[in-house]
Amino acid sequence: MSRAALRLDWALWGKRQSTRDDYAVLATSAGPFTPAQFESVITHNNPGNSPAAESGQDALPWVWFTQPTLKGVTYLGIGIRQWTDDTDRTGRRIAITRFFSLPMADALDLGFADLYLTVKGIDLAWDVPEPFQGKQISAKPVVSTEPQRLRLPTAAIAAAAVLESPVTLMGGGDLTLSQRLTALDGVANALPSGTRAWLSASTWSNVAGIFRLAFTDHKSADDTPVEVFGDVQPESGYGAEFVRMYHEHPNLLAYLKRRSDVTTPDTSLVGAALGEITLAADMLALAASGVVQGHHLRRLVQLGLFQEYSRTERQTVLASYLRAASPEDITQDEEILRTHWSGALDQTLRERVATAVGDARFPVAGLEPFARLALAVEALDSFGQGLVPAGVVEDPATVRAAEVVIELGKQEQWATALSPVVVASPQLSVHVGRFLLHDEPREEHAALLRELDRIGAGTAWQTVRMPFMEELTPSEPDLAALDRADGGALAVLLRKSEARPERLRQVMSALLPLAHERVREGGVPTWWAPVRACQLEPAQAAYRDVIDLLAGEQVEFGDTPAYRAALVEFGVTEREVVVAAVTGQVERDWDLLDVLWDLLHEGVEEPDVPEAVVTALADAVLADENRYSTMRRWDGYLRRDERVDAWRTLVELTADTEVSTVVDLLVVWCTRRWPTNTAVRSVVASAWEPSAVQWLELAQAVVNRTEGSIELPRALLSAHESTAELLDPLARALSLITGALRDLSAEPEVRQALPRLAGSRDDLDHLARQSDHSFWRMPRFRGGGQ
């Protein structure tokens, strides 16, 4: 690649012919140096007085290089002194110095020989109208092809020495100017190129200490002499290390030419720079066994070593770097990564993003540089795959991934870039949906929501999104899918809908059947509590209450068409539970009896009425016989209950029913311990009309058949419509009994049994107290009589 032309400032230093003038600046370019400044630079860096001889090792032309500084900028000055054909007034021949300068930064990649060849043919004139306002000169760089005659060990020895003191190159008298310049380059090339900022040099100098490196034929006490054609090997220090590195690293000279950062004659710094030639190999080894840090990568690039890697080596180092790169690293090194990226790094990027998402200590905002890099290197798919969590929906990493999407998605370019990642991931769709849909929408999220809706049809995003789209009416499958994806979302949907009755009705129309299905599957959904709390229209409220019933809750049904319809509807699929629940509430609200009938007969001509229903209704009837009138159509079922059947048989006694038949019925009643009053009321209410004697016979027969049970017989006697009619036969019976007991009391066995009559005596005493007849007021009946 061709170099751009150099822009040169210049000065012409000499004297006018045929004058007695001293040497001085005769003409200059217009800047940046003033004539006085050029004068100072040239005179203070003067190689010495020109020799009288025109041949020999000190003969002109001389070429030297110096580093003047102006306003903080270091320049490279190139001086060329040569004879002219002119003489001064004394007849001495005049030597003219052409001096050129350019910013050091423009000259670091050019050797001394290159620079000389570049300016060698430029003529400067002093006899011009405005000698100090000349124009800058433009010159195309010329690269020297002169072979290097300075041995490598000699160059290394001189390079090491020049770091410590001025060096005089001795014994180079037979070298041509071009060869001397190449030799100077040999020494300079053994040092980092930044040393040219201070490495002043000259092809000849007869003044000690002016130049750091110069050919000469004598030395001073402060100089270090180096024989140009010496055969000495450096034994230690920088020189020895340079020779070793040169043989181990074929790219050493190219590497040192890139080290423009080392700009001071500091042996330790220069030595460290030389040692960094191994950094490339060191980093490859580190990449294989550890992690390349950001500062490692930047140093490799800065030193030009990274570019010398093969493509595979670059990918190896970058992959190692990516595994632990911080957000700050990625931001700082994005240009490096973009320049050297290949598809082989996509997987490493995915892994790094996944690791960052899973690390609670990693800031969410820190993933933005990775996203920016992914976009720049066309690796968004890999970035997105890194965001997609491997765990369950509620994994903290999933939440963090969604936070990344939400944060980046505030910018439209990221909304567009990351939406495909979201819609393809059920977990991300759930959490992004929670951010965007569960609260009131924010303008900063509009672009992301819009893009998700645009591309989300038929994806996980549609599952999360559709129920929240108020322009659509949600269906049961929509809500079921949302419930499976995000169990908490339906509660949020309810909360957002309950303030708008029509929207709430739409949501409930789909939600209640879903709730029914969940309960049938064996559990109450987590979002059922908010459903219970909603104010619903009657039909949906009834539907909800029946579901509560199915879930095992205690529910009181209202006697409304809505409840009737809901109970009957659920009775088709949940007959057993609904029937049991309604049966349990019939006694509270007898209007539900018709609902119960409808439940049992819906779609069935002869239903199999559960025994529990029959028993419950029978209990109610036996507790209040008047209710039977409301249950006429239930009679066929009620008669399956033996209590009701026995009760109805008693109620249906006819006038000519035999006493024995009634006795049989009452004995069964008494044996079963059924309510006494019910039996008595039923017999009395029937068409059977026994005489007083038959009534007594009935009572006595029941006593005899039930092993002396007297509760029912007594109730029968007490319930006879004319107790006075029973008095005579009772009195006769009593007289007969007491007489028999008196006659038999002499028998020992009878006497032993008499205590069992104590209760009867108490009854006689009670009768005595109730009577006003003087007979019962006799002393023997007022207590203590025998």
Foldseek 3Di string as FASTA:
>chain_A
DFDFWFWKWKWKWWDDFAAPDDIATQFTAQDPDFRVRVRVVPVLLPLDDADPDCDWLRHDFKWKWAWDDDPNFTKIKIKTKDWDPGHYNVRHTMIMIMMIIGTPVSPLLAAQLQVCVFCVPDDDDRPDPHRYHHHIDITGTDHDPDDAPFDLQLLLVLLQQLLPFAEEEEDPGVDDPSRLSSPVRSNCLLFASLQSNGQIEMAEHPDAPSGSYYYYHDYDPGYHYGYRPDDDGDDDARSNLSVVVVVVDVCQSVLSSLRSVPNHSDRVVRSVSSVCVCLLVVLLVCLVPHAQELVSVVVCVSSVNLVVDDLVSNLSSVLRHLQDYWLVSLVVCLVVCLVNPDPVNLQSLLQNLLVLLLDPVRDLVSCVSSCVSCVSNVSLVSNLNSQQDPDDLPRSSLLSSLVNLQVQQLDLVSLQSNLVSQQAHLSSLQNVLCVAQLDDHDPSNVNNVVNNVVPNPPTSNCLSPVLRPQVDQDALVSVVSNCVSPVVVVLSSCVVQLVPQVNNVSSLVNVLVNQLVVVVVPDGRPSLVSVQVGDHDLLSNLSNQVSVQSNVDQGDDDPDPSNLVNLLVVLVPPVVSSLVNLLVCCVVPVSCVVSSVSSQPVVHPDGDDDPVSLVSVLVVCLVPVVCVVVVVVCVVVVCVPVVVVLLVVLLADAQPDDLVVLLVSVLVCVVVVHDLVSNLVSNVNHNHDDALVSLLVSLVSSCVSNVRDNPNSVSSLVPPPDNVSNVVVVVVVVVVVVVVLVVCCVDPVSVVVVVVCPVVLVVLLVVLVVDPDVVSVPVLSPDDHD
